[in-house]
Amino acid sequence: MASSFLSLPSLLLFLFLTITSLLVHSSSSKPPRPVHLPRTDQVGFQVGLTRVDHGRNLTKFQLVERSVRRGKLRLERLAELATTTGPGKGVRAPVFPGDGEFLMNFTVGSQAVPVSAIMDTGSDLIWTQCMPCTKCFHQPTPVFDPVKSSSLRNISCTSELCEDPTVFKCDHGCKYLYIYGDESSTRGYMAKDTFIFRDSASIHNVVFGCGVNNQGLGLAEGSGLVGLGRGSLSLVSQLHIDKFSYCLTSMEEDKTSQVLFGALAELNCSATSGKTRSTTPMVQNPFQPSLYYVSLKGITVGKTRVRVPKSMLKPNNKDGSGGMILDSGTTLTYLDEDVFGALKKEFTSQMKLGVSKPPGATGLDLCFDLPTTTDVSQVAIPKLKLHFEGSDLELPAENYMILDTQDGGGGVVCLAMAASSSGLSIIGNIAQQNLLVLHDLEKETVSFTRTQCDQL
């Protein structure tokens, strides 16, 4: 039976349009319900996500090119992490990936100042730009003024959260410096305040960075970052939650994606009821413990199994290189060069279509000409199955193929994957759309459940 797949025009349109923004708490509404930690087994909340390129005056091809270019830069930074922050390296400050594709919307402080910050599963620090800025980039929301927040408190140098000498120093309080892979950086001081997520969750005493000297193009998509990594400063660690998940809607739809925390993460509702769940263990990388690694054992295209090297099973225990991570901030899926070469060979053989030059500067590697006389919905796409440690995950065609049709028929269909020369492999956000991706931090597992994310 023919498979359906994601159209490139729809992908481009999605990147241009915003997903419905979450509601901002107003002073006239009832106070939000405080979340009483650490009883996180009984509470939970969710936050809407928007695409970073929403509202930009760019052509559709420029939007795709920007998204893929960000993904390539992010891949380079993520690959750099292990070799620059490993045990005994003695570097002045660690390097972090820094940008992403999704913005979280919430408010900070007693005056509920709106913040639109990049969600980043590749780092830990939560930070936003603060007044008075000595050097700040333009942001879409007002800059947070800590003086006006009666609930803000500075973090002392003696705090256990201020111990890492590669990030913090004691100078009339806990000061920090975070450097990103493209030489972007944020510098400021650590504080704690109330964060409000939607109208239902108010989290007190969230520790975050007040950035007063911030620079770099990779950071200018929002007003800061929200780290969802595995370190002590990340939002998930500070909330003492055992689980979080995200669900990215199809790029063909103008619908809100979600990130879910605590009790809501598993969503025992109609959206996932009765669905098959694929679960695989997380893999630890001591050189970069904040990232979410998984072990990929193989890939099947159609009926052909593509073998993967041992470097994709887990990171190298000598230098931290290699391995595979889950990342919502990267658009395409990047694979080891040899694996991608074998995958490309199989698709070329099984598609029964002529190979075509990829359209524009999209960064796509493998495309095929569509016939002008055939309904594109009848074009057969080989099935793709990922073999993880302990479970298999069969992806729908729209999670690995994109389409560019032409008026009057014809066009191209392209593989939403590319080669990684760095040794690090990444499962990008196209491959994760309409999957509830659950991170169980207590069981040390990641689960995938086919879900209509627009129903959450």
Protein backbone atom coordinates (compact mmCIF):
# COMPACT_ATOMS: atom_id res chain seq x y z
CA MET A 1 0.00 0.00 0.00
CA ALA A 2 1.28 3.46 -0.81
CA SER A 3 2.42 5.59 2.11
CA SER A 4 1.64 9.23 2.70
CA PHE A 5 4.43 11.71 3.31
CA LEU A 6 4.99 15.30 4.34
CA SER A 7 4.87 17.89 1.56
CA LEU A 8 7.72 20.37 1.39
CA PRO A 9 5.34 23.33 0.78
CA SER A 10 3.49 22.34 3.95
CA LEU A 11 6.76 22.12 5.85
CA LEU A 12 7.75 25.54 4.61
CA LEU A 13 4.36 27.04 5.45
CA PHE A 14 4.55 25.56 8.94
CA LEU A 15 7.92 27.15 9.55
CA PHE A 16 6.49 30.53 8.53
CA LEU A 17 3.36 30.37 10.62
CA THR A 18 3.21 30.44 14.41
CA ILE A 19 1.70 27.73 16.44
CA THR A 20 -0.94 29.15 18.71
CA SER A 21 0.84 30.86 21.57
CA LEU A 22 -0.02 29.92 25.11
CA LEU A 23 -2.08 32.23 27.21
CA VAL A 24 -0.17 34.83 29.22
CA HIS A 25 -1.25 35.24 32.83
CA SER A 26 -2.86 38.61 33.41
CA SER A 27 -3.09 40.50 36.65
CA SER A 28 -6.87 40.55 36.45
CA SER A 29 -7.20 36.76 36.47
CA LYS A 30 -7.13 34.52 39.52
CA PRO A 31 -3.69 33.72 40.92
CA PRO A 32 -2.24 30.56 39.36
CA ARG A 33 -2.20 27.41 41.40
CA PRO A 34 1.21 26.92 43.07
CA VAL A 35 2.89 23.59 42.40
CA HIS A 36 3.90 22.06 45.72
CA LEU A 37 7.19 20.25 45.19
CA PRO A 38 8.46 17.61 45.58
CA ARG A 39 5.02 15.85 45.44
CA THR A 40 5.40 15.74 41.66
CA ASP A 41 3.62 12.39 41.42
CA GLN A 42 0.36 14.29 41.89
CA VAL A 43 0.94 17.38 39.76
CA GLY A 44 1.92 18.32 36.26
CA PHE A 45 1.63 21.05 33.68
CA GLN A 46 2.19 21.64 29.99
CA VAL A 47 3.58 24.53 27.97
CA GLY A 48 2.84 25.45 24.36
CA LEU A 49 5.69 25.70 21.84
CA THR A 50 6.10 28.00 18.83
CA ARG A 51 8.59 27.91 15.98
CA VAL A 52 11.48 30.35 16.20
CA ASP A 53 11.04 31.76 12.68
CA HIS A 54 7.44 32.80 13.18
CA GLY A 55 6.69 36.23 11.73
CA ARG A 56 9.98 36.71 9.87
CA ASN A 57 9.82 38.43 6.49
CA LEU A 58 11.50 35.59 4.60
CA THR A 59 10.65 33.53 1.56
CA LYS A 60 9.60 29.96 2.11
CA PHE A 61 12.90 28.59 0.81
CA GLN A 62 14.79 30.96 3.09
CA LEU A 63 12.82 29.62 6.06
CA VAL A 64 13.78 26.03 5.24
CA GLU A 65 17.38 26.98 4.59
CA ARG A 66 17.59 28.79 7.95
CA SER A 67 16.11 25.82 9.78
CA VAL A 68 18.51 23.31 8.23
CA ARG A 69 21.49 25.65 8.63
CA ARG A 70 20.70 26.01 12.35
CA GLY A 71 20.54 22.23 12.55
CA LYS A 72 23.98 21.81 10.97
CA LEU A 73 25.52 24.39 13.32
CA ARG A 74 23.83 22.73 16.27
CA LEU A 75 25.18 19.33 15.20
CA GLU A 76 28.71 20.75 15.14
CA ARG A 77 28.29 22.28 18.60
CA LEU A 78 26.80 19.14 20.09
CA ALA A 79 29.65 17.05 18.65
CA GLU A 80 32.12 19.53 20.13
CA LEU A 81 30.70 19.14 23.63
CA ALA A 82 32.38 15.90 24.60
CA THR A 83 35.85 16.84 23.38
CA THR A 84 35.80 20.27 25.07
CA THR A 85 34.14 19.41 28.39
CA GLY A 86 35.46 15.95 29.17
CA PRO A 87 37.05 14.91 32.46
CA GLY A 88 40.41 16.50 33.01
CA LYS A 89 40.18 18.95 30.14
CA GLY A 90 40.52 21.96 32.45
CA VAL A 91 38.79 24.37 30.08
CA ARG A 92 37.75 27.83 31.26
CA ALA A 93 34.10 27.32 30.44
CA PRO A 94 32.12 24.50 28.82
CA VAL A 95 30.57 24.88 25.38
CA PHE A 96 26.85 24.35 24.79
CA PRO A 97 24.73 24.01 21.62
CA GLY A 98 22.79 27.22 22.24
CA ASP A 99 19.98 27.46 19.72
CA GLY A 100 16.95 25.43 18.73
CA GLU A 101 13.67 25.36 16.85
CA PHE A 102 11.03 25.85 19.57
CA LEU A 103 10.17 28.65 21.97
CA MET A 104 8.57 28.20 25.40
CA ASN A 105 6.32 30.99 26.61
CA PHE A 106 5.90 31.79 30.31
CA THR A 107 6.17 34.70 32.73
CA VAL A 108 8.73 35.60 35.40
CA GLY A 109 8.50 37.59 38.63
CA SER A 110 5.83 39.20 40.75
CA GLN A 111 4.73 41.35 37.78
CA ALA A 112 4.47 38.32 35.46
CA VAL A 113 6.78 39.65 32.74
CA PRO A 114 6.33 37.55 29.56
CA VAL A 115 9.36 35.55 28.43
CA SER A 116 9.78 33.66 25.15
CA ALA A 117 12.82 31.41 25.58
CA ILE A 118 14.37 28.69 23.44
CA MET A 119 13.72 25.15 24.69
CA ASP A 120 17.07 23.34 24.71
CA THR A 121 17.47 19.68 25.65
CA GLY A 122 21.22 20.07 25.06
CA SER A 123 22.01 22.34 28.04
CA ASP A 124 20.98 22.94 31.64
CA LEU A 125 21.00 26.63 32.51
CA ILE A 126 17.74 28.61 32.49
CA TRP A 127 18.38 32.26 31.71
CA THR A 128 16.78 35.39 30.34
CA GLN A 129 18.04 38.86 29.54
CA CYS A 130 17.78 41.29 32.44
CA MET A 131 17.91 45.03 32.99
CA PRO A 132 20.16 46.90 33.14
CA CYS A 133 21.79 45.34 30.07
CA THR A 134 25.37 46.33 29.32
CA LYS A 135 25.11 44.39 26.06
CA CYS A 136 21.91 42.69 24.93
CA PHE A 137 20.42 41.52 21.66
CA HIS A 138 16.97 42.52 20.45
CA GLN A 139 14.21 40.32 21.83
CA PRO A 140 10.49 40.07 20.98
CA THR A 141 9.29 40.58 24.57
CA PRO A 142 10.10 43.24 27.22
CA VAL A 143 13.44 42.76 28.98
CA PHE A 144 12.91 41.52 32.53
CA ASP A 145 13.73 44.12 35.21
CA PRO A 146 14.61 42.28 38.44
CA VAL A 147 14.29 45.46 40.53
CA LYS A 148 10.55 45.49 39.82
CA SER A 149 10.01 41.91 41.01
CA SER A 150 9.33 41.75 44.75
CA SER A 151 9.69 37.94 44.69
CA LEU A 152 13.23 37.84 43.24
CA ARG A 153 16.15 36.80 45.44
CA ASN A 154 19.83 36.61 44.47
CA ILE A 155 21.71 33.32 44.82
CA SER A 156 24.50 33.22 47.36
CA CYS A 157 28.03 32.09 46.54
CA THR A 158 27.62 29.37 49.14
CA SER A 159 24.74 27.74 47.26
CA GLU A 160 25.44 24.22 45.96
CA LEU A 161 24.09 25.40 42.61
CA CYS A 162 27.03 27.79 42.35
CA GLU A 163 29.82 25.25 42.76
CA ASP A 164 30.98 24.56 39.19
CA PRO A 165 34.13 26.71 38.71
CA THR A 166 33.94 26.42 34.92
CA VAL A 167 30.64 28.32 34.92
CA PHE A 168 30.41 30.31 38.17
CA LYS A 169 32.56 32.62 40.25
CA CYS A 170 31.97 34.46 43.51
CA ASP A 171 31.93 38.22 43.00
CA HIS A 172 29.38 39.99 45.24
CA GLY A 173 27.06 37.10 44.57
CA CYS A 174 27.01 34.09 42.24
CA LYS A 175 28.12 35.23 38.78
CA TYR A 176 28.01 32.98 35.70
CA LEU A 177 29.44 32.76 32.18
CA TYR A 178 28.02 30.40 29.58
CA ILE A 179 29.81 30.11 26.22
CA TYR A 180 28.14 28.53 23.20
CA GLY A 181 29.74 26.76 20.25
CA ASP A 182 29.46 29.69 17.83
CA GLU A 183 31.15 32.02 20.38
CA SER A 184 27.77 33.36 21.50
CA SER A 185 27.67 33.85 25.24
CA THR A 186 25.62 34.99 28.19
CA ARG A 187 27.09 36.55 31.32
CA GLY A 188 25.26 37.68 34.44
CA TYR A 189 24.28 36.63 37.95
CA MET A 190 22.18 33.85 39.39
CA ALA A 191 18.83 34.53 41.05
CA LYS A 192 15.57 32.81 41.88
CA ASP A 193 12.01 33.92 41.24
CA THR A 194 8.52 32.73 40.41
CA PHE A 195 7.88 31.24 36.96
CA ILE A 196 4.28 31.02 35.73
CA PHE A 197 3.40 28.42 33.11
CA ARG A 198 -0.03 29.04 31.66
CA ASP A 199 -2.74 29.93 34.17
CA SER A 200 -2.44 26.72 36.14
CA ALA A 201 1.14 26.36 37.32
CA SER A 202 3.17 28.82 39.35
CA ILE A 203 6.61 27.52 40.31
CA HIS A 204 8.32 29.39 43.14
CA ASN A 205 12.07 29.83 43.61
CA VAL A 206 13.20 28.70 40.16
CA VAL A 207 16.95 29.32 39.92
CA PHE A 208 17.93 31.09 36.69
CA GLY A 209 20.53 33.36 35.18
CA CYS A 210 19.90 37.09 34.83
CA GLY A 211 21.90 37.82 31.69
CA VAL A 212 23.24 41.38 31.48
CA ASN A 213 25.90 40.81 28.82
CA ASN A 214 24.61 38.59 26.03
CA GLN A 215 25.82 38.31 22.46
CA GLY A 216 25.65 36.05 19.44
CA LEU A 217 23.31 35.48 16.51
CA GLY A 218 22.41 32.00 17.71
CA LEU A 219 20.61 33.41 20.76
CA ALA A 220 18.53 36.15 19.14
CA GLU A 221 15.45 34.05 18.42
CA GLY A 222 14.00 34.61 21.89
CA SER A 223 14.90 36.30 25.17
CA GLY A 224 16.93 33.43 26.63
CA LEU A 225 17.03 29.66 27.00
CA VAL A 226 15.33 27.00 29.11
CA GLY A 227 17.70 24.09 29.68
CA LEU A 228 15.97 20.70 29.84
CA GLY A 229 19.16 18.67 30.15
CA ARG A 230 20.06 16.23 32.90
CA GLY A 231 22.19 18.59 35.03
CA SER A 232 21.21 20.11 38.38
CA LEU A 233 20.38 23.57 36.97
CA SER A 234 17.88 22.41 34.34
CA LEU A 235 14.15 22.97 34.73
CA VAL A 236 13.39 19.25 35.00
CA SER A 237 16.03 18.80 37.73
CA GLN A 238 14.88 21.82 39.72
CA LEU A 239 11.29 20.60 39.64
CA HIS A 240 12.40 17.21 41.01
CA ILE A 241 10.25 15.50 38.41
CA ASP A 242 10.72 11.92 37.28
CA LYS A 243 9.26 12.43 33.82
CA PHE A 244 8.84 14.95 31.04
CA SER A 245 7.76 14.61 27.45
CA TYR A 246 7.11 16.62 24.33
CA CYS A 247 4.76 16.12 21.42
CA LEU A 248 5.47 17.93 18.15
CA THR A 249 2.52 18.39 15.81
CA SER A 250 2.73 17.59 12.12
CA MET A 251 4.40 20.31 10.12
CA GLU A 252 1.42 20.24 7.79
CA GLU A 253 -0.75 21.67 10.55
CA ASP A 254 -0.97 25.07 12.22
CA LYS A 255 -1.39 23.54 15.67
CA THR A 256 0.32 23.95 19.02
CA SER A 257 3.11 21.59 20.03
CA GLN A 258 3.48 20.80 23.72
CA VAL A 259 6.08 20.03 26.35
CA LEU A 260 4.64 18.25 29.40
CA PHE A 261 6.07 17.91 32.89
CA GLY A 262 5.43 15.65 35.86
CA ALA A 263 2.20 13.70 36.08
CA LEU A 264 1.01 14.94 32.68
CA ALA A 265 4.05 13.60 30.86
CA GLU A 266 2.58 10.17 30.16
CA LEU A 267 -0.84 11.51 29.21
CA ASN A 268 -3.11 8.65 30.19
CA CYS A 269 -5.88 9.95 27.96
CA SER A 270 -7.52 9.22 24.63
CA ALA A 271 -4.55 10.62 22.72
CA THR A 272 -2.32 7.66 23.69
CA SER A 273 -4.78 5.06 25.01
CA GLY A 274 -4.26 1.67 23.39
CA LYS A 275 -1.24 2.84 21.38
CA THR A 276 1.94 0.77 21.14
CA ARG A 277 4.86 2.23 23.07
CA SER A 278 8.47 1.65 22.05
CA THR A 279 10.86 1.97 25.00
CA THR A 280 14.65 2.02 24.98
CA PRO A 281 17.22 2.66 27.74
CA MET A 282 19.04 5.97 27.99
CA VAL A 283 22.79 5.74 27.51
CA GLN A 284 25.16 7.63 29.79
CA ASN A 285 28.05 9.70 28.43
CA PRO A 286 30.29 10.77 31.34
CA PHE A 287 31.94 13.35 29.09
CA GLN A 288 28.59 15.04 28.50
CA PRO A 289 26.08 13.80 31.10
CA SER A 290 23.40 16.38 30.27
CA LEU A 291 22.50 15.00 26.82
CA TYR A 292 19.90 12.29 26.15
CA TYR A 293 21.69 9.42 24.39
CA VAL A 294 20.02 6.29 23.04
CA SER A 295 21.47 3.14 21.47
CA LEU A 296 20.63 2.51 17.80
CA LYS A 297 21.40 -1.07 16.72
CA GLY A 298 20.20 -0.96 13.14
CA ILE A 299 17.88 0.51 10.49
CA THR A 300 15.61 -1.34 8.09
CA VAL A 301 14.64 0.20 4.73
CA GLY A 302 11.83 -1.81 3.17
CA LYS A 303 13.01 -5.36 3.93
CA THR A 304 16.74 -4.60 3.97
CA ARG A 305 18.58 -4.26 7.26
CA VAL A 306 21.29 -1.57 7.34
CA ARG A 307 23.97 -2.29 9.91
CA VAL A 308 25.33 0.44 12.13
CA PRO A 309 28.80 0.68 13.69
CA LYS A 310 29.45 0.19 17.39
CA SER A 311 30.02 3.95 17.69
CA MET A 312 26.26 4.45 17.29
CA LEU A 313 25.45 2.03 20.11
CA LYS A 314 27.07 4.22 22.74
CA PRO A 315 29.62 7.04 23.03
CA ASN A 316 33.31 6.22 23.09
CA ASN A 317 34.31 5.72 26.74
CA LYS A 318 37.77 7.19 26.08
CA ASP A 319 36.79 10.57 24.62
CA GLY A 320 32.97 10.75 24.64
CA SER A 321 32.68 10.92 20.84
CA GLY A 322 30.03 9.16 18.76
CA GLY A 323 26.68 7.91 19.96
CA MET A 324 23.16 9.08 19.10
CA ILE A 325 21.04 11.69 20.87
CA LEU A 326 17.43 12.79 20.73
CA ASP A 327 17.15 16.49 19.96
CA SER A 328 14.04 18.58 19.35
CA GLY A 329 16.21 21.52 18.29
CA THR A 330 17.56 19.91 15.10
CA THR A 331 15.33 19.66 12.02
CA LEU A 332 16.83 16.80 10.00
CA THR A 333 18.05 13.44 11.26
CA TYR A 334 21.84 13.11 10.98
CA LEU A 335 23.53 9.71 10.72
CA ASP A 336 27.07 8.38 10.63
CA GLU A 337 28.46 8.92 7.11
CA ASP A 338 28.77 5.21 6.31
CA VAL A 339 25.29 4.48 7.65
CA PHE A 340 23.77 7.33 5.68
CA GLY A 341 25.61 6.15 2.56
CA ALA A 342 24.09 2.68 2.92
CA LEU A 343 20.66 4.18 3.66
CA LYS A 344 20.93 6.43 0.60
CA LYS A 345 21.85 3.42 -1.54
CA GLU A 346 18.81 1.47 -0.35
CA PHE A 347 16.36 4.31 -0.94
CA THR A 348 17.84 4.94 -4.40
CA SER A 349 17.35 1.27 -5.24
CA GLN A 350 13.87 0.84 -3.75
CA MET A 351 12.17 4.11 -4.72
CA LYS A 352 12.02 3.23 -8.45
CA LEU A 353 12.25 6.93 -9.29
CA GLY A 354 15.00 8.95 -10.92
CA VAL A 355 17.41 10.77 -8.59
CA SER A 356 16.96 14.56 -8.74
CA LYS A 357 18.94 17.58 -7.63
CA PRO A 358 17.61 18.86 -4.28
CA PRO A 359 15.59 22.09 -4.60
CA GLY A 360 17.25 25.38 -3.66
CA ALA A 361 19.72 25.58 -0.78
CA THR A 362 17.62 23.48 1.58
CA GLY A 363 20.46 21.23 2.73
CA LEU A 364 18.60 18.10 1.62
CA ASP A 365 20.88 15.41 0.20
CA LEU A 366 18.75 12.84 -1.62
CA CYS A 367 15.73 13.69 -3.80
CA PHE A 368 13.74 11.89 -6.48
CA ASP A 369 11.75 13.15 -9.48
CA LEU A 370 8.01 12.65 -9.15
CA PRO A 371 6.14 11.46 -12.24
CA THR A 372 3.89 14.03 -13.91
CA THR A 373 1.20 11.51 -14.82
CA THR A 374 0.76 9.76 -11.47
CA ASP A 375 -1.13 10.90 -8.38
CA VAL A 376 1.67 11.58 -5.89
CA SER A 377 -0.38 9.97 -3.12
CA GLN A 378 0.10 6.68 -4.96
CA VAL A 379 3.89 6.85 -4.96
CA ALA A 380 5.17 3.96 -2.84
CA ILE A 381 7.64 4.91 -0.11
CA PRO A 382 9.81 2.17 1.45
CA LYS A 383 9.08 1.65 5.11
CA LEU A 384 11.70 2.81 7.61
CA LYS A 385 12.20 1.13 10.98
CA LEU A 386 14.68 2.14 13.68
CA HIS A 387 16.01 -0.72 15.82
CA PHE A 388 16.85 0.60 19.28
CA GLU A 389 18.16 -1.38 22.20
CA GLY A 390 15.12 -3.26 23.49
CA SER A 391 12.52 -2.07 20.95
CA ASP A 392 11.79 -1.08 17.35
CA LEU A 393 10.15 2.08 16.07
CA GLU A 394 8.55 2.20 12.62
CA LEU A 395 8.29 5.78 11.42
CA PRO A 396 5.41 7.04 9.28
CA ALA A 397 6.57 8.19 5.85
CA GLU A 398 5.94 11.87 6.64
CA ASN A 399 8.57 11.60 9.41
CA TYR A 400 11.39 10.90 6.95
CA MET A 401 10.21 12.06 3.49
CA ILE A 402 9.19 15.56 2.35
CA LEU A 403 7.56 16.58 -0.90
CA ASP A 404 7.84 19.51 -3.29
CA THR A 405 5.16 19.37 -5.97
CA GLN A 406 4.74 21.62 -9.01
CA ASP A 407 1.65 23.09 -10.59
CA GLY A 408 0.55 20.78 -13.37
CA GLY A 409 2.21 17.73 -11.81
CA GLY A 410 5.67 16.50 -11.06
CA GLY A 411 8.12 17.79 -8.49
CA VAL A 412 10.51 16.07 -6.10
CA VAL A 413 10.36 13.95 -2.97
CA CYS A 414 13.33 14.17 -0.59
CA LEU A 415 14.78 12.19 2.30
CA ALA A 416 14.74 14.27 5.51
CA MET A 417 18.11 12.89 6.61
CA ALA A 418 21.75 13.75 6.03
CA ALA A 419 25.27 12.56 6.83
CA SER A 420 27.15 13.56 9.97
CA SER A 421 30.91 13.89 9.56
CA SER A 422 31.42 14.55 13.28
CA GLY A 423 30.63 11.03 14.48
CA LEU A 424 27.60 12.19 16.47
CA SER A 425 24.17 11.08 15.22
CA ILE A 426 20.95 12.98 15.95
CA ILE A 427 17.28 12.06 15.68
CA GLY A 428 15.79 15.40 14.59
CA ASN A 429 12.35 16.90 15.08
CA ILE A 430 10.88 15.88 11.69
CA ALA A 431 11.43 12.25 12.67
CA GLN A 432 9.74 12.91 16.04
CA GLN A 433 6.56 14.63 14.86
CA ASN A 434 3.29 13.12 16.10
CA LEU A 435 5.20 11.03 18.61
CA LEU A 436 4.84 11.47 22.35
CA VAL A 437 8.52 11.33 23.35
CA LEU A 438 8.66 10.45 27.05
CA HIS A 439 11.82 10.84 29.12
CA ASP A 440 11.55 8.71 32.25
CA LEU A 441 14.41 9.95 34.40
CA GLU A 442 13.76 7.47 37.20
CA LYS A 443 13.78 4.37 34.98
CA GLU A 444 16.42 5.90 32.67
CA THR A 445 14.36 5.19 29.55
CA VAL A 446 12.96 7.02 26.53
CA SER A 447 9.62 5.96 25.04
CA PHE A 448 7.92 6.75 21.74
CA THR A 449 4.15 6.52 21.28
CA ARG A 450 2.36 7.31 18.02
CA THR A 451 0.06 10.19 18.95
CA GLN A 452 -2.07 12.87 17.33
CA CYS A 453 -0.26 15.70 19.06
CA ASP A 454 -2.87 18.27 18.08
CA GLN A 455 -5.32 16.44 20.38
CA LEU A 456 -3.32 17.12 23.53
